[in-house]
């Protein structure tokens, strides 16, 4: 018997609207006891779309530069990697060790995606395959290990029993005893979202399903930004931490501090 820890990552707009959770102020850990295979762990991240009527709160944008190959990783990118890769938004599924895929991602698409949704998905896969050298991400017709469902939000619970109501984007991943992710499920709502909002969620949920389970208030241009944004492209610092996680010198289950020591000695 292994407890399945559900860590909820919520992207919200400025202000404390209904159902919003702000990092560093309040946190919720939902724990369910589930019978699973020995040494199997699960983790979930979710995204709640900002209400259409919300108060705009001024934010400060911090910019950073990621150095080119051959000159080492920028210290700001290393700090961001610690925050995003080493921990999860609400604890439980991130404990200071790396979780990553050790085999290729084979994505199957279900439901009713629009042409724009499929175009966005293809763009995200192209970006990831251009960043990561150790695995490949493809769409397949069978034998998938990641299922992406484009369905009305009201259908989420019937597809993923662990779904937390009120979230318009949802990803659930499973890893084994050594931290290797081996399965994932992504839910994207086809109702209540604009095409741009869906494009944001497709990119965010797939990226967090790589093992990058935390959000942050540090960079508003980042796909991992805690507040609600319409970001639909990776910021340079996003590309840096995705690359870091899948460097061949790192491994699943590695302690985040050990990983940072290795990364600090490598060319970026």
Protein backbone atom coordinates (compact mmCIF):
# COMPACT_ATOMS: atom_id res chain seq x y z
CA UNK A 1 0.00 0.00 0.00
CA UNK A 2 1.51 3.27 -1.09
CA UNK A 3 0.00 6.68 -0.52
CA UNK A 4 -0.51 8.58 -3.74
CA UNK A 5 0.33 12.21 -3.05
CA UNK A 6 -1.53 14.72 -5.18
CA UNK A 7 0.28 18.05 -5.57
CA UNK A 8 -1.90 20.77 -7.07
CA UNK A 9 -0.28 23.54 -9.09
CA UNK A 10 -2.68 26.40 -9.76
CA UNK A 11 -2.06 29.33 -12.09
CA UNK A 12 -4.21 32.26 -11.04
CA UNK A 13 -4.77 35.86 -11.95
CA UNK A 14 -3.78 38.74 -9.73
CA UNK A 15 -5.98 39.01 -6.68
CA UNK A 16 -7.55 36.33 -4.56
CA UNK A 17 -10.52 35.23 -6.61
CA UNK A 18 -12.70 32.25 -5.75
CA UNK A 19 -10.75 29.02 -5.56
CA UNK A 20 -7.34 30.58 -6.01
CA UNK A 21 -4.27 29.51 -4.06
CA UNK A 22 -1.22 31.72 -3.84
CA UNK A 23 2.22 30.19 -3.50
CA UNK A 24 3.89 30.96 -0.21
CA UNK A 25 0.71 32.07 1.52
CA UNK A 26 -1.61 29.11 1.55
CA UNK A 27 -1.07 25.60 0.35
CA UNK A 28 -3.17 22.51 0.07
CA UNK A 29 -1.95 18.96 -0.04
CA UNK A 30 -4.55 16.40 -1.00
CA UNK A 31 -3.58 12.90 0.00
CA UNK A 32 -5.40 9.80 -1.18
CA UNK A 33 -4.59 6.27 -0.24
CA UNK A 34 -4.52 4.04 -3.28
CA UNK A 35 -3.38 0.51 -3.88
CA UNK A 36 -0.62 0.71 -6.45
CA UNK A 37 2.34 -1.29 -7.61
CA UNK A 38 5.24 -1.28 -5.11
CA UNK A 39 7.67 1.64 -5.35
CA UNK A 40 5.29 3.52 -7.64
CA UNK A 41 4.65 7.21 -7.04
CA UNK A 42 2.24 9.64 -8.65
CA UNK A 43 2.10 13.38 -9.01
CA UNK A 44 -0.46 15.79 -10.36
CA UNK A 45 -0.35 19.37 -11.48
CA UNK A 46 -3.39 21.39 -12.43
CA UNK A 47 -4.15 24.79 -13.86
CA UNK A 48 -7.17 26.92 -13.15
CA UNK A 49 -8.00 29.56 -15.72
CA UNK A 50 -8.34 33.11 -14.44
CA UNK A 51 -11.92 34.41 -14.04
CA UNK A 52 -13.04 36.59 -16.94
CA UNK A 53 -13.70 39.44 -14.52
CA UNK A 54 -10.59 39.85 -12.43
CA UNK A 55 -8.72 42.73 -10.92
CA UNK A 56 -5.41 43.47 -12.59
CA UNK A 57 -2.53 43.59 -10.15
CA UNK A 58 0.75 45.15 -11.13
CA UNK A 59 3.62 42.71 -11.29
CA UNK A 60 7.34 43.19 -11.56
CA UNK A 61 9.00 41.36 -14.40
CA UNK A 62 12.48 40.07 -13.71
CA UNK A 63 14.53 39.41 -16.80
CA UNK A 64 17.46 37.10 -17.16
CA UNK A 65 19.76 35.90 -19.86
CA UNK A 66 20.73 32.32 -20.48
CA UNK A 67 24.26 31.96 -21.72
CA UNK A 68 25.07 30.28 -24.99
CA UNK A 69 26.64 26.81 -25.23
CA UNK A 70 30.26 26.82 -24.22
CA UNK A 71 29.99 29.54 -21.60
CA UNK A 72 28.22 27.75 -18.75
CA UNK A 73 24.72 28.08 -17.31
CA UNK A 74 23.59 31.44 -15.98
CA UNK A 75 23.37 31.40 -12.14
CA UNK A 76 19.79 32.66 -12.34
CA UNK A 77 18.86 29.67 -14.51
CA UNK A 78 20.47 27.28 -12.01
CA UNK A 79 18.47 28.86 -9.18
CA UNK A 80 15.29 28.55 -11.24
CA UNK A 81 16.07 24.91 -11.97
CA UNK A 82 16.30 24.21 -8.24
CA UNK A 83 12.90 25.78 -7.67
CA UNK A 84 11.05 24.22 -10.60
CA UNK A 85 12.68 20.77 -10.90
CA UNK A 86 13.46 20.04 -7.27
CA UNK A 87 10.07 20.61 -5.71
CA UNK A 88 6.35 20.72 -6.44
CA UNK A 89 3.86 23.48 -5.78
CA UNK A 90 2.30 21.95 -2.67
CA UNK A 91 4.75 19.31 -1.50
CA UNK A 92 4.33 15.57 -1.50
CA UNK A 93 5.32 14.87 -5.10
CA UNK A 94 8.51 16.90 -5.07
CA UNK A 95 11.04 16.14 -2.34
CA UNK A 96 14.29 17.57 -3.61
CA UNK A 97 14.99 14.85 -6.16
CA UNK A 98 14.66 14.76 -9.92
CA UNK A 99 11.87 12.99 -11.74
CA UNK A 100 12.20 12.61 -15.49
CA UNK A 101 11.38 10.31 -18.38
CA UNK A 102 14.05 7.76 -19.25
CA UNK A 103 12.30 6.62 -22.42
CA UNK A 104 10.60 8.40 -25.29
CA UNK A 105 7.20 10.03 -24.81
CA UNK A 106 4.57 8.50 -27.08
CA UNK A 107 1.53 10.76 -27.06
CA UNK A 108 -1.96 9.68 -28.08
CA UNK A 109 -4.63 12.34 -28.64
CA UNK A 110 -8.26 11.76 -27.68
CA UNK A 111 -11.44 13.79 -27.66
CA UNK A 112 -12.22 16.78 -29.84
CA UNK A 113 -9.13 18.95 -30.41
CA UNK A 114 -9.46 21.84 -32.85
CA UNK A 115 -7.05 22.41 -35.71
CA UNK A 116 -5.47 25.16 -33.57
CA UNK A 117 -5.05 22.68 -30.70
CA UNK A 118 -3.27 20.20 -32.95
CA UNK A 119 -1.09 22.96 -34.35
CA UNK A 120 -0.15 24.03 -30.83
CA UNK A 121 0.61 20.46 -29.80
CA UNK A 122 2.86 19.99 -32.84
CA UNK A 123 4.67 23.25 -32.05
CA UNK A 124 5.28 22.20 -28.44
CA UNK A 125 6.66 18.83 -29.57
CA UNK A 126 8.94 20.54 -32.09
CA UNK A 127 10.24 22.84 -29.37
CA UNK A 128 10.84 20.00 -26.91
CA UNK A 129 12.63 17.86 -29.48
CA UNK A 130 14.81 20.82 -30.32
CA UNK A 131 15.73 21.32 -26.66
CA UNK A 132 16.08 17.72 -25.42
CA UNK A 133 18.66 15.31 -26.86
CA UNK A 134 18.17 12.29 -24.59
CA UNK A 135 14.54 11.43 -25.39
CA UNK A 136 12.09 12.08 -28.22
CA UNK A 137 8.48 13.24 -28.00
CA UNK A 138 6.08 12.06 -30.74
CA UNK A 139 2.38 11.59 -31.43
CA UNK A 140 1.42 7.94 -32.00
CA UNK A 141 -1.66 6.02 -33.05
CA UNK A 142 -1.10 3.19 -30.56
CA UNK A 143 1.11 2.03 -27.70
CA UNK A 144 1.08 5.43 -26.01
CA UNK A 145 2.50 6.26 -22.58
CA UNK A 146 0.98 9.76 -22.45
CA UNK A 147 -2.70 10.30 -23.18
CA UNK A 148 -3.90 13.83 -23.96
CA UNK A 149 -7.66 14.31 -23.73
CA UNK A 150 -9.42 17.31 -25.25
CA UNK A 151 -12.83 17.11 -23.61
CA UNK A 152 -15.33 19.32 -21.77
CA UNK A 153 -14.21 20.03 -18.22
CA UNK A 154 -17.33 18.25 -16.96
CA UNK A 155 -15.88 15.00 -18.33
CA UNK A 156 -12.53 15.28 -16.52
CA UNK A 157 -13.52 13.28 -13.44
CA UNK A 158 -14.72 10.33 -15.54
CA UNK A 159 -11.31 10.16 -17.26
CA UNK A 160 -9.08 10.86 -14.25
CA UNK A 161 -10.55 9.80 -10.87
CA UNK A 162 -8.04 12.01 -9.06
CA UNK A 163 -9.20 15.15 -10.86
CA UNK A 164 -9.70 18.18 -8.61
CA UNK A 165 -12.83 20.11 -9.54
CA UNK A 166 -12.44 23.64 -10.87
CA UNK A 167 -9.30 23.09 -12.95
CA UNK A 168 -9.34 23.58 -16.71
CA UNK A 169 -5.98 21.91 -17.38
CA UNK A 170 -4.64 18.88 -15.57
CA UNK A 171 -1.67 16.54 -15.77
CA UNK A 172 -1.05 13.38 -13.77
CA UNK A 173 2.25 11.49 -13.97
CA UNK A 174 3.50 8.23 -12.54
CA UNK A 175 7.10 7.32 -11.71
CA UNK A 176 8.79 4.22 -10.37
CA UNK A 177 11.07 3.71 -7.39
CA UNK A 178 14.12 5.28 -9.02
CA UNK A 179 12.27 8.44 -10.04
CA UNK A 180 11.79 7.49 -13.70
CA UNK A 181 8.48 8.75 -15.09
CA UNK A 182 6.77 6.08 -17.14
CA UNK A 183 3.20 7.29 -17.73
CA UNK A 184 1.19 10.48 -17.94
CA UNK A 185 -2.32 11.78 -18.52
CA UNK A 186 -3.18 15.32 -19.65
CA UNK A 187 -6.64 16.86 -19.68
CA UNK A 188 -7.41 20.05 -21.61
CA UNK A 189 -10.89 21.55 -21.47
CA UNK A 190 -12.68 22.23 -24.74
CA UNK A 191 -15.21 24.43 -22.93
CA UNK A 192 -14.80 27.71 -21.11
CA UNK A 193 -11.48 28.59 -22.77
CA UNK A 194 -10.34 30.78 -25.63
CA UNK A 195 -7.98 29.26 -28.22
CA UNK A 196 -5.08 31.23 -26.71
CA UNK A 197 -5.90 29.94 -23.23
CA UNK A 198 -5.95 26.37 -24.52
CA UNK A 199 -2.63 26.96 -26.29
CA UNK A 200 -1.16 28.10 -23.00
CA UNK A 201 -2.51 25.09 -21.12
CA UNK A 202 -1.33 22.58 -23.73
CA UNK A 203 2.21 23.89 -23.45
CA UNK A 204 2.19 24.23 -19.66
CA UNK A 205 0.68 20.85 -18.80
CA UNK A 206 2.84 18.89 -21.24
CA UNK A 207 5.96 20.66 -20.00
CA UNK A 208 5.16 20.08 -16.34
CA UNK A 209 4.54 16.44 -17.21
CA UNK A 210 8.25 16.19 -18.04
CA UNK A 211 8.97 16.37 -14.29
CA UNK A 212 9.03 20.14 -13.86
CA UNK A 213 6.28 20.26 -11.25
CA UNK A 214 6.68 23.61 -9.52
CA UNK A 215 5.49 27.14 -10.29
CA UNK A 216 7.17 30.43 -9.40
CA UNK A 217 6.46 34.14 -9.13
CA UNK A 218 9.95 35.05 -10.39
CA UNK A 219 9.47 35.38 -14.17
CA UNK A 220 6.16 36.49 -15.62
CA UNK A 221 7.34 35.51 -19.12
CA UNK A 222 7.93 31.92 -18.00
CA UNK A 223 5.56 29.06 -18.74
CA UNK A 224 5.98 28.16 -15.04
CA UNK A 225 4.74 31.53 -13.77
CA UNK A 226 2.47 31.13 -10.75
CA UNK A 227 0.00 33.84 -11.79
CA UNK A 228 -2.33 33.56 -14.75
CA UNK A 229 -0.77 34.56 -18.08
CA UNK A 230 -1.37 33.93 -21.77
CA UNK A 231 2.22 32.83 -22.34
CA UNK A 232 2.31 30.50 -25.34
CA UNK A 233 6.07 30.26 -25.96
CA UNK A 234 9.02 29.17 -23.85
CA UNK A 235 11.08 31.95 -22.34
CA UNK A 236 14.87 31.50 -22.65
CA UNK A 237 15.04 30.49 -19.00
CA UNK A 238 12.36 27.83 -19.60
CA UNK A 239 14.42 26.33 -22.39
CA UNK A 240 17.45 26.29 -20.11
CA UNK A 241 15.81 24.33 -17.30
CA UNK A 242 14.15 21.86 -19.67
CA UNK A 243 17.56 21.18 -21.19
CA UNK A 244 19.14 20.86 -17.73
CA UNK A 245 16.64 18.24 -16.56
CA UNK A 246 17.39 16.05 -19.58
CA UNK A 247 21.16 16.46 -19.73
CA UNK A 248 22.77 13.00 -20.03
CA UNK A 249 24.94 13.82 -17.01
CA UNK A 250 21.85 13.84 -14.76
CA UNK A 251 19.59 10.94 -13.84
CA UNK A 252 16.14 10.27 -12.44
CA UNK A 253 16.09 10.19 -8.65
CA UNK A 254 19.17 12.41 -8.38
CA UNK A 255 19.26 14.82 -5.43
CA UNK A 256 18.69 18.38 -6.60
CA UNK A 257 21.85 19.65 -4.90
CA UNK A 258 23.94 16.93 -6.52
CA UNK A 259 22.36 17.78 -9.86
CA UNK A 260 23.20 21.45 -9.45
CA UNK A 261 26.80 20.61 -8.62
CA UNK A 262 27.05 18.65 -11.85
CA UNK A 263 25.32 21.36 -13.90
CA UNK A 264 27.54 24.10 -12.49
CA UNK A 265 30.56 22.29 -13.89
CA UNK A 266 29.10 21.87 -17.38
CA UNK A 267 28.94 24.13 -20.38
CA UNK A 268 25.44 25.40 -20.96
